[in-house]
């Protein structure tokens, strides 16, 4: 019998995590979005972490969770307010290992616990299929400006099952 793959773990964000999360952000954009965005769009998008202190402040101002494999960060996600997924990034080496799903599951449960009836996300073109498979519905296409580049994304919404229910064990 083969050796079992290590299971991802979850923990809260700490300010000291900022550099590794910035590296995951850049690697994810650079290696996973090339089919949907040009190199100049990717560079503009990745520049969001050029000011690492501001990036850390953004992560710290939201409910940010870190996914780990063997205690090393491999992904992160943040909930802005009670009902919006602001960031969800997985290192390319950890893709298809349940990391993104685990992060999204956790944010959905936390949003429900905060009383949210639905959860929204502005999904990049490469992430849209991930969210569709999880029950999110596209509500509109839009673009955002990053530096001199325009990047398309899709606003998506998911109605949360049992939102606001208390005492449910998982």
C-alpha atoms as a PDB file:
ATOM      1  CA  UNK A   1       0.000   0.000   0.000  1.00  0.00           C
ATOM      2  CA  UNK A   2       1.264   3.485  -0.866  1.00  0.00           C
ATOM      3  CA  UNK A   3       1.919   6.210   1.648  1.00  0.00           C
ATOM      4  CA  UNK A   4      -1.072   8.448   2.406  1.00  0.00           C
ATOM      5  CA  UNK A   5      -0.906  12.006   1.123  1.00  0.00           C
ATOM      6  CA  UNK A   6      -0.605  14.487   4.005  1.00  0.00           C
ATOM      7  CA  UNK A   7      -3.904  16.212   4.757  1.00  0.00           C
ATOM      8  CA  UNK A   8      -4.032  19.997   4.698  1.00  0.00           C
ATOM      9  CA  UNK A   9      -4.506  21.852   7.956  1.00  0.00           C
ATOM     10  CA  UNK A  10      -5.958  25.283   8.746  1.00  0.00           C
ATOM     11  CA  UNK A  11      -4.771  28.018  11.019  1.00  0.00           C
ATOM     12  CA  UNK A  12      -5.319  31.751  11.442  1.00  0.00           C
ATOM     13  CA  UNK A  13      -3.141  34.388   9.780  1.00  0.00           C
ATOM     14  CA  UNK A  14      -0.276  35.891  11.759  1.00  0.00           C
ATOM     15  CA  UNK A  15       1.539  39.073  10.624  1.00  0.00           C
ATOM     16  CA  UNK A  16       4.779  37.063  10.268  1.00  0.00           C
ATOM     17  CA  UNK A  17       3.058  35.053   7.499  1.00  0.00           C
ATOM     18  CA  UNK A  18       2.900  38.047   5.158  1.00  0.00           C
ATOM     19  CA  UNK A  19       6.081  37.289   3.131  1.00  0.00           C
ATOM     20  CA  UNK A  20       5.174  33.646   2.426  1.00  0.00           C
ATOM     21  CA  UNK A  21       1.585  34.575   1.546  1.00  0.00           C
ATOM     22  CA  UNK A  22       2.866  37.255  -0.820  1.00  0.00           C
ATOM     23  CA  UNK A  23       5.048  34.578  -2.470  1.00  0.00           C
ATOM     24  CA  UNK A  24       2.056  32.211  -2.771  1.00  0.00           C
ATOM     25  CA  UNK A  25       0.010  35.052  -4.303  1.00  0.00           C
ATOM     26  CA  UNK A  26       2.682  35.782  -6.934  1.00  0.00           C
ATOM     27  CA  UNK A  27       3.338  32.101  -7.732  1.00  0.00           C
ATOM     28  CA  UNK A  28      -0.366  31.373  -8.087  1.00  0.00           C
ATOM     29  CA  UNK A  29      -0.892  34.257 -10.498  1.00  0.00           C
ATOM     30  CA  UNK A  30       2.287  33.531 -12.449  1.00  0.00           C
ATOM     31  CA  UNK A  31       1.744  29.796 -12.887  1.00  0.00           C
ATOM     32  CA  UNK A  32      -2.027  29.324 -12.889  1.00  0.00           C
ATOM     33  CA  UNK A  33      -3.539  32.229 -14.810  1.00  0.00           C
ATOM     34  CA  UNK A  34      -1.584  32.249 -18.083  1.00  0.00           C
ATOM     35  CA  UNK A  35      -4.444  30.762 -20.115  1.00  0.00           C
ATOM     36  CA  UNK A  36      -6.746  33.623 -19.147  1.00  0.00           C
ATOM     37  CA  UNK A  37      -4.539  36.675 -18.667  1.00  0.00           C
ATOM     38  CA  UNK A  38      -1.580  38.151 -20.564  1.00  0.00           C
ATOM     39  CA  UNK A  39       1.887  38.453 -19.014  1.00  0.00           C
ATOM     40  CA  UNK A  40       1.377  42.199 -18.542  1.00  0.00           C
ATOM     41  CA  UNK A  41      -1.975  41.581 -16.833  1.00  0.00           C
ATOM     42  CA  UNK A  42      -0.363  38.960 -14.581  1.00  0.00           C
ATOM     43  CA  UNK A  43       2.462  41.356 -13.674  1.00  0.00           C
ATOM     44  CA  UNK A  44      -0.015  44.133 -12.844  1.00  0.00           C
ATOM     45  CA  UNK A  45      -2.097  41.738 -10.732  1.00  0.00           C
ATOM     46  CA  UNK A  46       0.945  40.378  -8.881  1.00  0.00           C
ATOM     47  CA  UNK A  47       2.105  43.931  -8.134  1.00  0.00           C
ATOM     48  CA  UNK A  48      -0.632  44.094  -5.481  1.00  0.00           C
ATOM     49  CA  UNK A  49       1.931  42.617  -3.062  1.00  0.00           C
ATOM     50  CA  UNK A  50       4.798  44.956  -3.977  1.00  0.00           C
ATOM     51  CA  UNK A  51       3.966  46.899  -0.809  1.00  0.00           C
ATOM     52  CA  UNK A  52       4.237  43.949   1.544  1.00  0.00           C
ATOM     53  CA  UNK A  53       3.270  46.008   4.607  1.00  0.00           C
ATOM     54  CA  UNK A  54       0.025  47.121   2.937  1.00  0.00           C
ATOM     55  CA  UNK A  55      -0.663  43.526   1.859  1.00  0.00           C
ATOM     56  CA  UNK A  56      -0.142  42.324   5.441  1.00  0.00           C
ATOM     57  CA  UNK A  57      -2.447  45.064   6.718  1.00  0.00           C
ATOM     58  CA  UNK A  58      -5.123  43.957   4.226  1.00  0.00           C
ATOM     59  CA  UNK A  59      -4.820  40.329   5.389  1.00  0.00           C
ATOM     60  CA  UNK A  60      -4.872  41.393   9.036  1.00  0.00           C
ATOM     61  CA  UNK A  61      -7.995  43.527   8.597  1.00  0.00           C
ATOM     62  CA  UNK A  62      -9.979  40.530   7.336  1.00  0.00           C
ATOM     63  CA  UNK A  63     -10.637  37.042   8.639  1.00  0.00           C
ATOM     64  CA  UNK A  64      -7.704  35.329   6.936  1.00  0.00           C
ATOM     65  CA  UNK A  65      -7.078  31.599   7.092  1.00  0.00           C
ATOM     66  CA  UNK A  66      -3.929  29.776   6.046  1.00  0.00           C
ATOM     67  CA  UNK A  67      -3.904  26.253   4.638  1.00  0.00           C
ATOM     68  CA  UNK A  68      -0.840  24.197   5.499  1.00  0.00           C
ATOM     69  CA  UNK A  69       0.670  20.939   4.353  1.00  0.00           C
ATOM     70  CA  UNK A  70       3.119  19.457   6.846  1.00  0.00           C
ATOM     71  CA  UNK A  71       2.966  22.780   8.743  1.00  0.00           C
ATOM     72  CA  UNK A  72       4.054  24.849   5.708  1.00  0.00           C
ATOM     73  CA  UNK A  73       1.659  27.439   4.240  1.00  0.00           C
ATOM     74  CA  UNK A  74       0.392  26.412   0.794  1.00  0.00           C
ATOM     75  CA  UNK A  75      -2.681  28.618   0.429  1.00  0.00           C
ATOM     76  CA  UNK A  76      -4.784  31.294   2.041  1.00  0.00           C
ATOM     77  CA  UNK A  77      -8.217  32.836   1.882  1.00  0.00           C
ATOM     78  CA  UNK A  78      -9.829  35.888   3.434  1.00  0.00           C
ATOM     79  CA  UNK A  79     -13.364  36.874   4.307  1.00  0.00           C
ATOM     80  CA  UNK A  80     -14.098  40.586   3.996  1.00  0.00           C
ATOM     81  CA  UNK A  81     -16.983  41.575   6.231  1.00  0.00           C
ATOM     82  CA  UNK A  82     -19.455  38.788   6.837  1.00  0.00           C
ATOM     83  CA  UNK A  83     -20.160  37.808   3.261  1.00  0.00           C
ATOM     84  CA  UNK A  84     -17.408  38.414   0.684  1.00  0.00           C
ATOM     85  CA  UNK A  85     -14.443  36.210  -0.236  1.00  0.00           C
ATOM     86  CA  UNK A  86     -11.751  38.773  -0.978  1.00  0.00           C
ATOM     87  CA  UNK A  87      -8.757  36.490  -1.592  1.00  0.00           C
ATOM     88  CA  UNK A  88      -8.326  32.767  -2.227  1.00  0.00           C
ATOM     89  CA  UNK A  89      -4.933  31.637  -3.520  1.00  0.00           C
ATOM     90  CA  UNK A  90      -3.241  28.235  -3.571  1.00  0.00           C
ATOM     91  CA  UNK A  91       0.401  27.599  -4.392  1.00  0.00           C
ATOM     92  CA  UNK A  92       0.696  25.768  -7.749  1.00  0.00           C
ATOM     93  CA  UNK A  93       2.402  22.794  -6.044  1.00  0.00           C
ATOM     94  CA  UNK A  94      -0.688  22.256  -3.868  1.00  0.00           C
ATOM     95  CA  UNK A  95      -3.373  22.567  -6.568  1.00  0.00           C
ATOM     96  CA  UNK A  96      -5.794  19.608  -6.812  1.00  0.00           C
ATOM     97  CA  UNK A  97      -4.992  18.490  -3.256  1.00  0.00           C
ATOM     98  CA  UNK A  98      -8.169  19.841  -1.634  1.00  0.00           C
ATOM     99  CA  UNK A  99      -6.548  23.015  -0.332  1.00  0.00           C
ATOM    100  CA  UNK A 100      -8.800  25.488  -2.156  1.00  0.00           C
ATOM    101  CA  UNK A 101     -11.921  23.489  -1.295  1.00  0.00           C
ATOM    102  CA  UNK A 102     -10.933  23.323   2.374  1.00  0.00           C
ATOM    103  CA  UNK A 103     -10.339  27.085   2.499  1.00  0.00           C
ATOM    104  CA  UNK A 104     -13.619  27.812   0.733  1.00  0.00           C
ATOM    105  CA  UNK A 105     -15.541  25.394   2.999  1.00  0.00           C
ATOM    106  CA  UNK A 106     -14.153  27.143   6.064  1.00  0.00           C
ATOM    107  CA  UNK A 107     -15.065  30.618   4.796  1.00  0.00           C
ATOM    108  CA  UNK A 108     -18.574  29.452   3.899  1.00  0.00           C
ATOM    109  CA  UNK A 109     -19.074  28.066   7.426  1.00  0.00           C
ATOM    110  CA  UNK A 110     -17.642  31.192   9.043  1.00  0.00           C
ATOM    111  CA  UNK A 111     -19.800  33.473   6.885  1.00  0.00           C
ATOM    112  CA  UNK A 112     -22.877  31.457   7.867  1.00  0.00           C
ATOM    113  CA  UNK A 113     -21.900  31.668  11.516  1.00  0.00           C
ATOM    114  CA  UNK A 114     -21.630  35.451  11.109  1.00  0.00           C
ATOM    115  CA  UNK A 115     -25.219  35.517   9.891  1.00  0.00           C
ATOM    116  CA  UNK A 116     -24.587  35.804   6.162  1.00  0.00           C
ATOM    117  CA  UNK A 117     -27.357  34.373   3.995  1.00  0.00           C
ATOM    118  CA  UNK A 118     -25.116  34.308   0.934  1.00  0.00           C
ATOM    119  CA  UNK A 119     -21.466  34.666   0.042  1.00  0.00           C
ATOM    120  CA  UNK A 120     -20.036  36.653  -2.854  1.00  0.00           C
ATOM    121  CA  UNK A 121     -16.737  36.522  -4.715  1.00  0.00           C
ATOM    122  CA  UNK A 122     -15.225  38.363  -7.671  1.00  0.00           C
ATOM    123  CA  UNK A 123     -13.727  35.329  -9.382  1.00  0.00           C
ATOM    124  CA  UNK A 124     -10.881  35.577 -11.847  1.00  0.00           C
ATOM    125  CA  UNK A 125     -11.482  33.814 -15.142  1.00  0.00           C
ATOM    126  CA  UNK A 126      -9.295  30.870 -14.101  1.00  0.00           C
ATOM    127  CA  UNK A 127     -11.141  30.497 -10.750  1.00  0.00           C
ATOM    128  CA  UNK A 128     -14.658  30.722 -12.139  1.00  0.00           C
ATOM    129  CA  UNK A 129     -14.998  26.960 -12.768  1.00  0.00           C
ATOM    130  CA  UNK A 130     -13.868  26.197  -9.189  1.00  0.00           C
ATOM    131  CA  UNK A 131     -16.637  28.388  -7.790  1.00  0.00           C
ATOM    132  CA  UNK A 132     -19.256  27.113 -10.267  1.00  0.00           C
ATOM    133  CA  UNK A 133     -18.592  23.545  -9.074  1.00  0.00           C
ATOM    134  CA  UNK A 134     -19.161  24.729  -5.503  1.00  0.00           C
ATOM    135  CA  UNK A 135     -22.618  26.118  -6.274  1.00  0.00           C
ATOM    136  CA  UNK A 136     -21.765  29.751  -6.947  1.00  0.00           C
ATOM    137  CA  UNK A 137     -23.789  31.466  -9.660  1.00  0.00           C
ATOM    138  CA  UNK A 138     -22.387  34.147 -11.966  1.00  0.00           C
ATOM    139  CA  UNK A 139     -24.224  37.434 -11.524  1.00  0.00           C
ATOM    140  CA  UNK A 140     -22.226  39.831 -13.727  1.00  0.00           C
ATOM    141  CA  UNK A 141     -18.988  40.302 -15.658  1.00  0.00           C
ATOM    142  CA  UNK A 142     -16.811  43.248 -14.796  1.00  0.00           C
ATOM    143  CA  UNK A 143     -13.300  44.564 -15.090  1.00  0.00           C
ATOM    144  CA  UNK A 144     -10.917  46.026 -12.578  1.00  0.00           C
ATOM    145  CA  UNK A 145      -7.916  48.239 -13.195  1.00  0.00           C
ATOM    146  CA  UNK A 146      -4.528  47.137 -11.880  1.00  0.00           C
ATOM    147  CA  UNK A 147      -1.876  49.658 -12.801  1.00  0.00           C
ATOM    148  CA  UNK A 148      -2.331  50.277 -16.537  1.00  0.00           C
ATOM    149  CA  UNK A 149      -4.047  46.914 -17.127  1.00  0.00           C
ATOM    150  CA  UNK A 150      -7.675  45.867 -17.198  1.00  0.00           C
ATOM    151  CA  UNK A 151      -8.499  42.434 -15.776  1.00  0.00           C
ATOM    152  CA  UNK A 152     -11.848  40.739 -16.313  1.00  0.00           C
ATOM    153  CA  UNK A 153     -13.599  38.867 -13.536  1.00  0.00           C
ATOM    154  CA  UNK A 154     -17.037  37.519 -12.704  1.00  0.00           C
ATOM    155  CA  UNK A 155     -19.080  38.426  -9.654  1.00  0.00           C
ATOM    156  CA  UNK A 156     -20.564  35.233  -8.227  1.00  0.00           C
ATOM    157  CA  UNK A 157     -22.944  34.461  -5.365  1.00  0.00           C
ATOM    158  CA  UNK A 158     -23.784  31.362  -3.366  1.00  0.00           C
ATOM    159  CA  UNK A 159     -26.763  31.012  -1.059  1.00  0.00           C
ATOM    160  CA  UNK A 160     -25.524  29.461   2.154  1.00  0.00           C
ATOM    161  CA  UNK A 161     -27.384  26.413   3.466  1.00  0.00           C
ATOM    162  CA  UNK A 162     -28.530  26.890   7.030  1.00  0.00           C
ATOM    163  CA  UNK A 163     -27.055  30.377   7.175  1.00  0.00           C
ATOM    164  CA  UNK A 164     -27.173  31.756  10.659  1.00  0.00           C
ATOM    165  CA  UNK A 165     -28.072  28.392  12.203  1.00  0.00           C
ATOM    166  CA  UNK A 166     -26.461  27.885  15.574  1.00  0.00           C
ATOM    167  CA  UNK A 167     -25.399  24.716  17.294  1.00  0.00           C
ATOM    168  CA  UNK A 168     -24.692  22.771  14.100  1.00  0.00           C
ATOM    169  CA  UNK A 169     -21.719  20.475  14.474  1.00  0.00           C
ATOM    170  CA  UNK A 170     -19.497  19.546  11.561  1.00  0.00           C
END
